[in-house]
Amino acid sequence: MILSLRQAIYKKMEPKSIEDLRETIEDAIDGDERALPGLGVLFEVLWKNIDKEQQDKMVDTIREHLPH
């Protein structure tokens, strides 16, 4: 069976506890760039499951903190 990147990330994250998931995210931030696609998949999950107001706030926060 061939898994897409999304499916592979979902499968890897499925059994994780809240603490494990937090640790995975924190380890990936500022870490090895190979983890960035996984963070992208997690961001996609977040984005699809928050309302427009929360999306707008996230976009504002990202925009404010990007290097100029």
PDB file of N, CA and C in Angstrom:
ATOM      1  N   MET A   1       0.839  -1.177   0.000  1.00  0.00           N
ATOM      2  CA  MET A   1       0.000   0.000   0.000  1.00  0.00           C
ATOM      3  C   MET A   1       0.891   1.249   0.000  1.00  0.00           C
ATOM      4  N   ILE A   2       0.509   2.239  -0.806  1.00  0.00           N
ATOM      5  CA  ILE A   2       1.246   3.492  -0.890  1.00  0.00           C
ATOM      6  C   ILE A   2       0.458   4.556  -0.126  1.00  0.00           C
ATOM      7  N   LEU A   3       1.124   5.172   0.847  1.00  0.00           N
ATOM      8  CA  LEU A   3       0.489   6.218   1.643  1.00  0.00           C
ATOM      9  C   LEU A   3       0.929   7.587   1.141  1.00  0.00           C
ATOM     10  N   SER A   4       0.008   8.527   1.134  1.00  0.00           N
ATOM     11  CA  SER A   4       0.389   9.903   0.843  1.00  0.00           C
ATOM     12  C   SER A   4       1.105  10.455   2.072  1.00  0.00           C
ATOM     13  N   LEU A   5       1.735  11.591   1.913  1.00  0.00           N
ATOM     14  CA  LEU A   5       2.414  12.221   3.043  1.00  0.00           C
ATOM     15  C   LEU A   5       1.412  12.505   4.165  1.00  0.00           C
ATOM     16  N   ARG A   6       0.247  13.032   3.804  1.00  0.00           N
ATOM     17  CA  ARG A   6      -0.777  13.306   4.808  1.00  0.00           C
ATOM     18  C   ARG A   6      -1.150  12.035   5.563  1.00  0.00           C
ATOM     19  N   GLN A   7      -1.428  10.985   4.823  1.00  0.00           N
ATOM     20  CA  GLN A   7      -1.826   9.725   5.459  1.00  0.00           C
ATOM     21  C   GLN A   7      -0.733   9.201   6.381  1.00  0.00           C
ATOM     22  N   ALA A   8       0.509   9.324   5.947  1.00  0.00           N
ATOM     23  CA  ALA A   8       1.630   8.859   6.770  1.00  0.00           C
ATOM     24  C   ALA A   8       1.723   9.667   8.064  1.00  0.00           C
ATOM     25  N   ILE A   9       1.539  10.975   7.970  1.00  0.00           N
ATOM     26  CA  ILE A   9       1.583  11.827   9.159  1.00  0.00           C
ATOM     27  C   ILE A   9       0.424  11.486  10.090  1.00  0.00           C
ATOM     28  N   TYR A  10      -0.784  11.342   9.525  1.00  0.00           N
ATOM     29  CA  TYR A  10      -1.946  10.985  10.343  1.00  0.00           C
ATOM     30  C   TYR A  10      -1.692   9.682  11.088  1.00  0.00           C
ATOM     31  N   LYS A  11      -1.159   8.712  10.366  1.00  0.00           N
ATOM     32  CA  LYS A  11      -0.914   7.399  10.967  1.00  0.00           C
ATOM     33  C   LYS A  11       0.125   7.497  12.085  1.00  0.00           C
ATOM     34  N   LYS A  12       1.162   8.291  11.852  1.00  0.00           N
ATOM     35  CA  LYS A  12       2.217   8.444  12.858  1.00  0.00           C
ATOM     36  C   LYS A  12       1.701   9.172  14.100  1.00  0.00           C
ATOM     37  N   MET A  13       0.798  10.126  13.916  1.00  0.00           N
ATOM     38  CA  MET A  13       0.299  10.933  15.027  1.00  0.00           C
ATOM     39  C   MET A  13      -0.864  10.273  15.759  1.00  0.00           C
ATOM     40  N   GLU A  14      -1.522   9.342  15.123  1.00  0.00           N
ATOM     41  CA  GLU A  14      -2.735   8.725  15.656  1.00  0.00           C
ATOM     42  C   GLU A  14      -2.627   8.240  17.101  1.00  0.00           C
ATOM     43  N   PRO A  15      -1.596   7.495  17.446  1.00  0.00           N
ATOM     44  CA  PRO A  15      -1.574   6.949  18.809  1.00  0.00           C
ATOM     45  C   PRO A  15      -0.996   7.898  19.863  1.00  0.00           C
ATOM     46  N   LYS A  16      -0.640   9.101  19.473  1.00  0.00           N
ATOM     47  CA  LYS A  16       0.063   9.996  20.399  1.00  0.00           C
ATOM     48  C   LYS A  16      -0.884  10.626  21.424  1.00  0.00           C
ATOM     49  N   SER A  17      -0.365  10.744  22.626  1.00  0.00           N
ATOM     50  CA  SER A  17      -1.089  11.460  23.676  1.00  0.00           C
ATOM     51  C   SER A  17      -0.930  12.960  23.426  1.00  0.00           C
ATOM     52  N   ILE A  18      -1.652  13.767  24.187  1.00  0.00           N
ATOM     53  CA  ILE A  18      -1.519  15.221  24.069  1.00  0.00           C
ATOM     54  C   ILE A  18      -0.085  15.640  24.357  1.00  0.00           C
ATOM     55  N   GLU A  19       0.515  15.050  25.370  1.00  0.00           N
ATOM     56  CA  GLU A  19       1.898  15.393  25.716  1.00  0.00           C
ATOM     57  C   GLU A  19       2.859  15.001  24.595  1.00  0.00           C
ATOM     58  N   ASP A  20       2.648  13.807  24.018  1.00  0.00           N
ATOM     59  CA  ASP A  20       3.500  13.358  22.911  1.00  0.00           C
ATOM     60  C   ASP A  20       3.358  14.271  21.700  1.00  0.00           C
ATOM     61  N   LEU A  21       2.126  14.670  21.405  1.00  0.00           N
ATOM     62  CA  LEU A  21       1.884  15.545  20.262  1.00  0.00           C
ATOM     63  C   LEU A  21       2.554  16.896  20.474  1.00  0.00           C
ATOM     64  N   ARG A  22       2.422  17.458  21.679  1.00  0.00           N
ATOM     65  CA  ARG A  22       3.082  18.734  21.991  1.00  0.00           C
ATOM     66  C   ARG A  22       4.598  18.602  21.830  1.00  0.00           C
ATOM     67  N   GLU A  23       5.160  17.533  22.337  1.00  0.00           N
ATOM     68  CA  GLU A  23       6.607  17.322  22.240  1.00  0.00           C
ATOM     69  C   GLU A  23       7.044  17.198  20.784  1.00  0.00           C
ATOM     70  N   THR A  24       6.273  16.498  19.987  1.00  0.00           N
ATOM     71  CA  THR A  24       6.584  16.355  18.560  1.00  0.00           C
ATOM     72  C   THR A  24       6.609  17.716  17.885  1.00  0.00           C
ATOM     73  N   ILE A  25       5.617  18.546  18.176  1.00  0.00           N
ATOM     74  CA  ILE A  25       5.546  19.879  17.578  1.00  0.00           C
ATOM     75  C   ILE A  25       6.720  20.730  18.047  1.00  0.00           C
ATOM     76  N   GLU A  26       6.971  20.750  19.342  1.00  0.00           N
ATOM     77  CA  GLU A  26       8.057  21.576  19.877  1.00  0.00           C
ATOM     78  C   GLU A  26       9.417  21.119  19.366  1.00  0.00           C
ATOM     79  N   ASP A  27       9.611  19.822  19.218  1.00  0.00           N
ATOM     80  CA  ASP A  27      10.882  19.312  18.693  1.00  0.00           C
ATOM     81  C   ASP A  27      11.077  19.692  17.224  1.00  0.00           C
ATOM     82  N   ALA A  28       9.967  19.765  16.484  1.00  0.00           N
ATOM     83  CA  ALA A  28      10.051  20.081  15.061  1.00  0.00           C
ATOM     84  C   ALA A  28      10.303  21.562  14.799  1.00  0.00           C
ATOM     85  N   ILE A  29       9.830  22.411  15.707  1.00  0.00           N
ATOM     86  CA  ILE A  29      10.008  23.850  15.524  1.00  0.00           C
ATOM     87  C   ILE A  29      11.475  24.192  15.766  1.00  0.00           C
ATOM     88  N   ASP A  30      12.037  24.897  14.811  1.00  0.00           N
ATOM     89  CA  ASP A  30      13.452  25.272  14.825  1.00  0.00           C
ATOM     90  C   ASP A  30      14.380  24.067  14.779  1.00  0.00           C
ATOM     91  N   GLY A  31      13.839  22.914  14.442  1.00  0.00           N
ATOM     92  CA  GLY A  31      14.646  21.707  14.346  1.00  0.00           C
ATOM     93  C   GLY A  31      14.967  21.386  12.896  1.00  0.00           C
ATOM     94  N   ASP A  32      15.116  20.131  12.650  1.00  0.00           N
ATOM     95  CA  ASP A  32      15.437  19.625  11.320  1.00  0.00           C
ATOM     96  C   ASP A  32      14.335  19.993  10.330  1.00  0.00           C
ATOM     97  N   GLU A  33      14.718  20.550   9.187  1.00  0.00           N
ATOM     98  CA  GLU A  33      13.747  20.974   8.183  1.00  0.00           C
ATOM     99  C   GLU A  33      12.932  19.812   7.611  1.00  0.00           C
ATOM    100  N   ARG A  34      13.392  18.607   7.804  1.00  0.00           N
ATOM    101  CA  ARG A  34      12.614  17.458   7.311  1.00  0.00           C
ATOM    102  C   ARG A  34      11.284  17.339   8.039  1.00  0.00           C
ATOM    103  N   ALA A  35      11.166  17.984   9.198  1.00  0.00           N
ATOM    104  CA  ALA A  35       9.914  17.943   9.964  1.00  0.00           C
ATOM    105  C   ALA A  35       8.886  18.964   9.459  1.00  0.00           C
ATOM    106  N   LEU A  36       9.297  19.896   8.622  1.00  0.00           N
ATOM    107  CA  LEU A  36       8.387  20.947   8.177  1.00  0.00           C
ATOM    108  C   LEU A  36       7.148  20.429   7.438  1.00  0.00           C
ATOM    109  N   PRO A  37       7.263  19.438   6.558  1.00  0.00           N
ATOM    110  CA  PRO A  37       6.033  18.931   5.938  1.00  0.00           C
ATOM    111  C   PRO A  37       5.034  18.376   6.963  1.00  0.00           C
ATOM    112  N   GLY A  38       5.532  17.741   8.002  1.00  0.00           N
ATOM    113  CA  GLY A  38       4.648  17.233   9.046  1.00  0.00           C
ATOM    114  C   GLY A  38       3.945  18.353   9.779  1.00  0.00           C
ATOM    115  N   LEU A  39       4.678  19.435  10.056  1.00  0.00           N
ATOM    116  CA  LEU A  39       4.052  20.594  10.683  1.00  0.00           C
ATOM    117  C   LEU A  39       3.016  21.207   9.754  1.00  0.00           C
ATOM    118  N   GLY A  40       3.284  21.171   8.470  1.00  0.00           N
ATOM    119  CA  GLY A  40       2.311  21.672   7.495  1.00  0.00           C
ATOM    120  C   GLY A  40       1.020  20.873   7.534  1.00  0.00           C
ATOM    121  N   VAL A  41       1.133  19.574   7.655  1.00  0.00           N
ATOM    122  CA  VAL A  41      -0.053  18.721   7.743  1.00  0.00           C
ATOM    123  C   VAL A  41      -0.816  19.026   9.033  1.00  0.00           C
ATOM    124  N   LEU A  42      -0.105  19.188  10.130  1.00  0.00           N
ATOM    125  CA  LEU A  42      -0.767  19.526  11.394  1.00  0.00           C
ATOM    126  C   LEU A  42      -1.419  20.907  11.316  1.00  0.00           C
ATOM    127  N   PHE A  43      -0.771  21.853  10.650  1.00  0.00           N
ATOM    128  CA  PHE A  43      -1.362  23.174  10.457  1.00  0.00           C
ATOM    129  C   PHE A  43      -2.647  23.062   9.633  1.00  0.00           C
ATOM    130  N   GLU A  44      -2.625  22.234   8.622  1.00  0.00           N
ATOM    131  CA  GLU A  44      -3.813  22.016   7.790  1.00  0.00           C
ATOM    132  C   GLU A  44      -4.975  21.488   8.634  1.00  0.00           C
ATOM    133  N   VAL A  45      -4.694  20.539   9.514  1.00  0.00           N
ATOM    134  CA  VAL A  45      -5.729  19.996  10.403  1.00  0.00           C
ATOM    135  C   VAL A  45      -6.289  21.117  11.275  1.00  0.00           C
ATOM    136  N   LEU A  46      -5.415  21.914  11.841  1.00  0.00           N
ATOM    137  CA  LEU A  46      -5.838  23.031  12.680  1.00  0.00           C
ATOM    138  C   LEU A  46      -6.701  24.002  11.887  1.00  0.00           C
ATOM    139  N   TRP A  47      -6.211  24.424  10.734  1.00  0.00           N
ATOM    140  CA  TRP A  47      -6.888  25.417   9.910  1.00  0.00           C
ATOM    141  C   TRP A  47      -8.303  24.968   9.528  1.00  0.00           C
ATOM    142  N   LYS A  48      -8.421  23.712   9.186  1.00  0.00           N
ATOM    143  CA  LYS A  48      -9.725  23.194   8.755  1.00  0.00           C
ATOM    144  C   LYS A  48     -10.713  23.056   9.905  1.00  0.00           C
ATOM    145  N   ASN A  49     -10.236  23.150  11.128  1.00  0.00           N
ATOM    146  CA  ASN A  49     -11.097  22.897  12.278  1.00  0.00           C
ATOM    147  C   ASN A  49     -11.249  24.097  13.205  1.00  0.00           C
ATOM    148  N   ILE A  50     -10.930  25.281  12.699  1.00  0.00           N
ATOM    149  CA  ILE A  50     -11.170  26.502  13.466  1.00  0.00           C
ATOM    150  C   ILE A  50     -12.064  27.416  12.637  1.00  0.00           C
ATOM    151  N   ASP A  51     -12.736  28.331  13.322  1.00  0.00           N
ATOM    152  CA  ASP A  51     -13.644  29.226  12.603  1.00  0.00           C
ATOM    153  C   ASP A  51     -12.874  30.379  11.955  1.00  0.00           C
ATOM    154  N   LYS A  52     -13.581  31.159  11.134  1.00  0.00           N
ATOM    155  CA  LYS A  52     -12.944  32.228  10.375  1.00  0.00           C
ATOM    156  C   LYS A  52     -12.280  33.264  11.289  1.00  0.00           C
ATOM    157  N   GLU A  53     -12.885  33.564  12.411  1.00  0.00           N
ATOM    158  CA  GLU A  53     -12.292  34.529  13.342  1.00  0.00           C
ATOM    159  C   GLU A  53     -10.928  34.033  13.833  1.00  0.00           C
ATOM    160  N   GLN A  54     -10.845  32.755  14.173  1.00  0.00           N
ATOM    161  CA  GLN A  54      -9.570  32.192  14.622  1.00  0.00           C
ATOM    162  C   GLN A  54      -8.566  32.154  13.470  1.00  0.00           C
ATOM    163  N   GLN A  55      -9.034  31.849  12.258  1.00  0.00           N
ATOM    164  CA  GLN A  55      -8.152  31.866  11.089  1.00  0.00           C
ATOM    165  C   GLN A  55      -7.583  33.266  10.876  1.00  0.00           C
ATOM    166  N   ASP A  56      -8.460  34.273  10.955  1.00  0.00           N
ATOM    167  CA  ASP A  56      -8.012  35.658  10.774  1.00  0.00           C
ATOM    168  C   ASP A  56      -6.964  36.032  11.819  1.00  0.00           C
ATOM    169  N   LYS A  57      -7.185  35.618  13.059  1.00  0.00           N
ATOM    170  CA  LYS A  57      -6.223  35.912  14.126  1.00  0.00           C
ATOM    171  C   LYS A  57      -4.883  35.226  13.845  1.00  0.00           C
ATOM    172  N   MET A  58      -4.930  33.990  13.366  1.00  0.00           N
ATOM    173  CA  MET A  58      -3.686  33.279  13.045  1.00  0.00           C
ATOM    174  C   MET A  58      -2.940  33.984  11.921  1.00  0.00           C
ATOM    175  N   VAL A  59      -3.667  34.392  10.889  1.00  0.00           N
ATOM    176  CA  VAL A  59      -3.036  35.085   9.765  1.00  0.00           C
ATOM    177  C   VAL A  59      -2.396  36.382  10.243  1.00  0.00           C
ATOM    178  N   ASP A  60      -3.109  37.131  11.086  1.00  0.00           N
ATOM    179  CA  ASP A  60      -2.549  38.372  11.627  1.00  0.00           C
ATOM    180  C   ASP A  60      -1.284  38.095  12.430  1.00  0.00           C
ATOM    181  N   THR A  61      -1.327  37.057  13.275  1.00  0.00           N
ATOM    182  CA  THR A  61      -0.158  36.717  14.093  1.00  0.00           C
ATOM    183  C   THR A  61       1.023  36.326  13.224  1.00  0.00           C
ATOM    184  N   ILE A  62       0.780  35.509  12.224  1.00  0.00           N
ATOM    185  CA  ILE A  62       1.860  35.099  11.309  1.00  0.00           C
ATOM    186  C   ILE A  62       2.430  36.315  10.593  1.00  0.00           C
ATOM    187  N   ARG A  63       1.548  37.149  10.060  1.00  0.00           N
ATOM    188  CA  ARG A  63       1.981  38.341   9.319  1.00  0.00           C
ATOM    189  C   ARG A  63       2.818  39.258  10.205  1.00  0.00           C
ATOM    190  N   GLU A  64       2.387  39.454  11.452  1.00  0.00           N
ATOM    191  CA  GLU A  64       3.104  40.335  12.380  1.00  0.00           C
ATOM    192  C   GLU A  64       4.500  39.818  12.720  1.00  0.00           C
ATOM    193  N   HIS A  65       4.692  38.518  12.654  1.00  0.00           N
ATOM    194  CA  HIS A  65       5.957  37.938  13.126  1.00  0.00           C
ATOM    195  C   HIS A  65       6.880  37.466  12.001  1.00  0.00           C
ATOM    196  N   LEU A  66       6.469  37.667  10.757  1.00  0.00           N
ATOM    197  CA  LEU A  66       7.368  37.343   9.658  1.00  0.00           C
ATOM    198  C   LEU A  66       8.472  38.394   9.589  1.00  0.00           C
ATOM    199  N   PRO A  67       9.680  37.973   9.253  1.00  0.00           N
ATOM    200  CA  PRO A  67      10.768  38.960   9.123  1.00  0.00           C
ATOM    201  C   PRO A  67      10.444  39.958   8.010  1.00  0.00           C
ATOM    202  N   HIS A  68      10.810  41.209   8.229  1.00  0.00           N
ATOM    203  CA  HIS A  68      10.564  42.267   7.240  1.00  0.00           C
ATOM    204  C   HIS A  68      11.808  42.526   6.441  1.00  0.00           C
TER     205      HIS A  68
END
